[in-house]
C-alpha atoms as a PDB file:
ATOM      1  CA  MET A   1       0.389  -0.190   0.154  1.00  0.00           C
ATOM      2  CA  ALA A   2       1.516   3.824  -0.765  1.00  0.00           C
ATOM      3  CA  GLY A   3       2.446   5.410   2.275  1.00  0.00           C
ATOM      4  CA  GLN A   4       3.904   2.268   3.832  1.00  0.00           C
ATOM      5  CA  THR A   5       7.600   2.079   3.615  1.00  0.00           C
ATOM      6  CA  PRO A   6       8.515  -1.323   1.063  1.00  0.00           C
ATOM      7  CA  ALA A   7      11.022  -4.223   2.804  1.00  0.00           C
ATOM      8  CA  SER A   8      14.065  -1.955   1.555  1.00  0.00           C
ATOM      9  CA  GLY A   9      13.284   0.483   4.498  1.00  0.00           C
ATOM     10  CA  ARG A  10      13.377   2.975   1.479  1.00  0.00           C
ATOM     11  CA  PRO A  11      10.296   5.351   0.021  1.00  0.00           C
ATOM     12  CA  ARG A  12       9.208   4.305  -3.229  1.00  0.00           C
ATOM     13  CA  VAL A  13       9.344   6.698  -6.197  1.00  0.00           C
ATOM     14  CA  LEU A  14       7.993   6.359  -9.504  1.00  0.00           C
ATOM     15  CA  VAL A  15       9.250   8.951 -11.997  1.00  0.00           C
ATOM     16  CA  ALA A  16       7.398   9.396 -15.037  1.00  0.00           C
ATOM     17  CA  ASP A  17       9.094  11.559 -17.804  1.00  0.00           C
ATOM     18  CA  ASP A  18       8.687  10.929 -21.858  1.00  0.00           C
ATOM     19  CA  GLU A  19      12.413  12.586 -21.710  1.00  0.00           C
ATOM     20  CA  SER A  20      14.248   9.249 -20.880  1.00  0.00           C
ATOM     21  CA  VAL A  21      17.086  10.804 -20.338  1.00  0.00           C
ATOM     22  CA  ILE A  22      15.394  13.361 -17.211  1.00  0.00           C
ATOM     23  CA  ALA A  23      13.959  10.066 -16.069  1.00  0.00           C
ATOM     24  CA  ASP A  24      16.622   7.984 -15.783  1.00  0.00           C
ATOM     25  CA  THR A  25      18.997  10.886 -14.012  1.00  0.00           C
ATOM     26  CA  LEU A  26      16.405  11.926 -11.572  1.00  0.00           C
ATOM     27  CA  THR A  27      15.797   7.720 -10.917  1.00  0.00           C
ATOM     28  CA  ILE A  28      19.501   7.902 -10.092  1.00  0.00           C
ATOM     29  CA  ILE A  29      19.970  10.895  -8.181  1.00  0.00           C
ATOM     30  CA  LEU A  30      16.877   9.631  -6.076  1.00  0.00           C
ATOM     31  CA  GLY A  31      18.612   5.887  -5.976  1.00  0.00           C
ATOM     32  CA  GLN A  32      22.271   7.870  -4.212  1.00  0.00           C
ATOM     33  CA  ASN A  33      20.022   9.758  -1.767  1.00  0.00           C
ATOM     34  CA  GLY A  34      17.960   7.136   0.113  1.00  0.00           C
ATOM     35  CA  TYR A  35      15.057   6.341  -2.145  1.00  0.00           C
ATOM     36  CA  GLU A  36      14.069   3.526  -4.278  1.00  0.00           C
ATOM     37  CA  ALA A  37      13.207   4.856  -7.571  1.00  0.00           C
ATOM     38  CA  THR A  38      11.772   3.199 -10.820  1.00  0.00           C
ATOM     39  CA  ALA A  39      11.386   5.384 -14.195  1.00  0.00           C
ATOM     40  CA  VAL A  40       9.012   5.013 -16.830  1.00  0.00           C
ATOM     41  CA  TYR A  41       8.558   7.111 -19.988  1.00  0.00           C
ATOM     42  CA  SER A  42       4.641   7.771 -20.353  1.00  0.00           C
ATOM     43  CA  GLY A  43       1.632   8.244 -18.486  1.00  0.00           C
ATOM     44  CA  ALA A  44       0.281   5.134 -19.108  1.00  0.00           C
ATOM     45  CA  GLU A  45       3.309   3.325 -18.174  1.00  0.00           C
ATOM     46  CA  ALA A  46       3.155   5.327 -14.972  1.00  0.00           C
ATOM     47  CA  VAL A  47      -0.601   4.282 -14.469  1.00  0.00           C
ATOM     48  CA  GLU A  48       0.273   0.305 -14.905  1.00  0.00           C
ATOM     49  CA  ARG A  49       3.534   0.467 -13.020  1.00  0.00           C
ATOM     50  CA  ALA A  50       1.555   2.047  -9.884  1.00  0.00           C
ATOM     51  CA  LYS A  51      -0.993  -0.551  -9.757  1.00  0.00           C
ATOM     52  CA  ASN A  52       1.579  -3.368  -9.059  1.00  0.00           C
ATOM     53  CA  TRP A  53       4.686  -1.212  -7.586  1.00  0.00           C
ATOM     54  CA  ARG A  54       2.807   1.031  -5.544  1.00  0.00           C
ATOM     55  CA  PRO A  55       5.030   3.810  -5.045  1.00  0.00           C
ATOM     56  CA  ASP A  56       4.596   6.140  -1.980  1.00  0.00           C
ATOM     57  CA  LEU A  57       5.583   9.018  -4.409  1.00  0.00           C
ATOM     58  CA  LEU A  58       4.726   9.827  -7.881  1.00  0.00           C
ATOM     59  CA  LEU A  59       7.144  11.956  -9.970  1.00  0.00           C
ATOM     60  CA  ALA A  60       5.789  12.791 -13.247  1.00  0.00           C
ATOM     61  CA  ASP A  61       6.476  15.548 -15.898  1.00  0.00           C
ATOM     62  CA  VAL A  62       3.361  17.294 -17.007  1.00  0.00           C
ATOM     63  CA  VAL A  63       3.458  17.370 -20.466  1.00  0.00           C
ATOM     64  CA  MET A  64       3.547  14.274 -22.273  1.00  0.00           C
ATOM     65  CA  PRO A  65       2.176  12.781 -25.556  1.00  0.00           C
ATOM     66  CA  ASP A  66      -0.194   9.776 -24.895  1.00  0.00           C
ATOM     67  CA  MET A  67      -1.346  10.932 -21.267  1.00  0.00           C
ATOM     68  CA  SER A  68      -0.762  13.862 -19.607  1.00  0.00           C
ATOM     69  CA  GLY A  69       1.411  13.689 -16.025  1.00  0.00           C
ATOM     70  CA  ILE A  70      -2.201  15.345 -14.470  1.00  0.00           C
ATOM     71  CA  GLU A  71      -4.170  12.308 -16.053  1.00  0.00           C
ATOM     72  CA  ALA A  72      -1.793   9.739 -14.927  1.00  0.00           C
ATOM     73  CA  ALA A  73      -1.444  11.535 -11.289  1.00  0.00           C
ATOM     74  CA  ILE A  74      -5.560  11.264 -11.119  1.00  0.00           C
ATOM     75  CA  ARG A  75      -5.920   7.708 -12.306  1.00  0.00           C
ATOM     76  CA  ILE A  76      -2.695   6.931  -9.867  1.00  0.00           C
ATOM     77  CA  ARG A  77      -4.166   8.801  -6.984  1.00  0.00           C
ATOM     78  CA  THR A  78      -7.824   7.042  -7.442  1.00  0.00           C
ATOM     79  CA  LEU A  79      -5.306   3.703  -7.301  1.00  0.00           C
ATOM     80  CA  LEU A  80      -3.509   4.592  -4.345  1.00  0.00           C
ATOM     81  CA  PRO A  81      -5.127   7.811  -2.309  1.00  0.00           C
ATOM     82  CA  ALA A  82      -1.935   7.529   0.150  1.00  0.00           C
ATOM     83  CA  CYS A  83       0.654   8.310  -2.788  1.00  0.00           C
ATOM     84  CA  ARG A  84       2.066  12.054  -2.711  1.00  0.00           C
ATOM     85  CA  ILE A  85       2.367  13.492  -6.232  1.00  0.00           C
ATOM     86  CA  LEU A  86       4.997  16.180  -7.900  1.00  0.00           C
ATOM     87  CA  LEU A  87       4.453  17.373 -11.009  1.00  0.00           C
ATOM     88  CA  LEU A  88       7.563  18.472 -13.237  1.00  0.00           C
ATOM     89  CA  SER A  89       6.961  21.395 -15.974  1.00  0.00           C
ATOM     90  CA  GLY A  90       9.174  23.306 -17.903  1.00  0.00           C
ATOM     91  CA  GLN A  91       6.325  24.385 -20.427  1.00  0.00           C
ATOM     92  CA  ALA A  92       3.897  26.923 -20.401  1.00  0.00           C
ATOM     93  CA  ALA A  93       0.713  24.695 -21.317  1.00  0.00           C
ATOM     94  CA  THR A  94       0.974  23.687 -17.530  1.00  0.00           C
ATOM     95  CA  THR A  95      -1.388  26.542 -16.597  1.00  0.00           C
ATOM     96  CA  ASP A  96      -4.286  25.120 -18.429  1.00  0.00           C
ATOM     97  CA  LEU A  97      -4.032  21.960 -17.288  1.00  0.00           C
ATOM     98  CA  MET A  98      -3.097  22.567 -14.304  1.00  0.00           C
ATOM     99  CA  ARG A  99      -6.646  24.927 -14.203  1.00  0.00           C
ATOM    100  CA  ASP A 100      -8.595  22.240 -15.585  1.00  0.00           C
ATOM    101  CA  ALA A 101      -7.511  19.821 -13.119  1.00  0.00           C
ATOM    102  CA  ARG A 102      -8.345  22.227 -10.358  1.00  0.00           C
ATOM    103  CA  ARG A 103     -11.618  22.862 -11.950  1.00  0.00           C
ATOM    104  CA  ASP A 104     -12.098  18.735 -11.549  1.00  0.00           C
ATOM    105  CA  GLY A 105     -11.165  19.062  -7.975  1.00  0.00           C
ATOM    106  CA  HIS A 106      -7.863  17.593  -8.424  1.00  0.00           C
ATOM    107  CA  GLU A 107      -4.567  19.892  -6.695  1.00  0.00           C
ATOM    108  CA  PHE A 108      -1.071  18.761  -6.994  1.00  0.00           C
ATOM    109  CA  GLU A 109       2.155  20.107  -6.283  1.00  0.00           C
ATOM    110  CA  ILE A 110       4.332  21.219  -8.928  1.00  0.00           C
ATOM    111  CA  ILE A 111       7.629  21.542  -9.862  1.00  0.00           C
ATOM    112  CA  LEU A 112       9.294  23.922 -12.326  1.00  0.00           C
ATOM    113  CA  LYS A 113      11.864  22.607 -14.360  1.00  0.00           C
ATOM    114  CA  PRO A 114      15.140  22.453 -14.790  1.00  0.00           C
ATOM    115  CA  ILE A 115      15.579  22.058 -10.846  1.00  0.00           C
ATOM    116  CA  HIS A 116      18.862  21.595  -9.390  1.00  0.00           C
ATOM    117  CA  PRO A 117      18.896  17.733  -7.270  1.00  0.00           C
ATOM    118  CA  THR A 118      19.664  19.332  -3.973  1.00  0.00           C
ATOM    119  CA  GLN A 119      16.429  21.795  -4.389  1.00  0.00           C
ATOM    120  CA  LEU A 120      14.583  18.523  -5.598  1.00  0.00           C
ATOM    121  CA  LEU A 121      15.466  16.466  -2.514  1.00  0.00           C
ATOM    122  CA  ALA A 122      14.369  19.168  -0.443  1.00  0.00           C
ATOM    123  CA  ARG A 123      10.965  19.502  -1.629  1.00  0.00           C
ATOM    124  CA  LEU A 124      10.511  15.301  -1.868  1.00  0.00           C
ATOM    125  CA  GLN A 125      11.834  15.844   2.318  1.00  0.00           C
ATOM    126  CA  LYS A 126       8.461  18.002   2.878  1.00  0.00           C
ATOM    127  CA  PRO A 127       5.285  16.571   3.759  1.00  0.00           C
END
């Protein structure tokens, strides 16, 4: 169940970004800093992986071609209500997507890209 620390004793973070270099780099940084992290490269993959892997946190890019990070976050939150969600965005289109999500009753934390790894890790530490 999300929110419960896995057997490894490390919080699980699911990283979803269609730019594989970003997803893989974040996974490495998180792994080196006490997290059990895995990367996927689409919103649809994030939803599928979350069903079985049950992350404590989703770190997802907002703008992805198959399914937005917001839509993936909504679906994952439905499956795993305790999963914390942080959205990453470097694009102006995020404003409209976030407004639509809020209108539908969904609120997510957002982090603007680029972000320095130390700043990202500090944000992950906040409840």
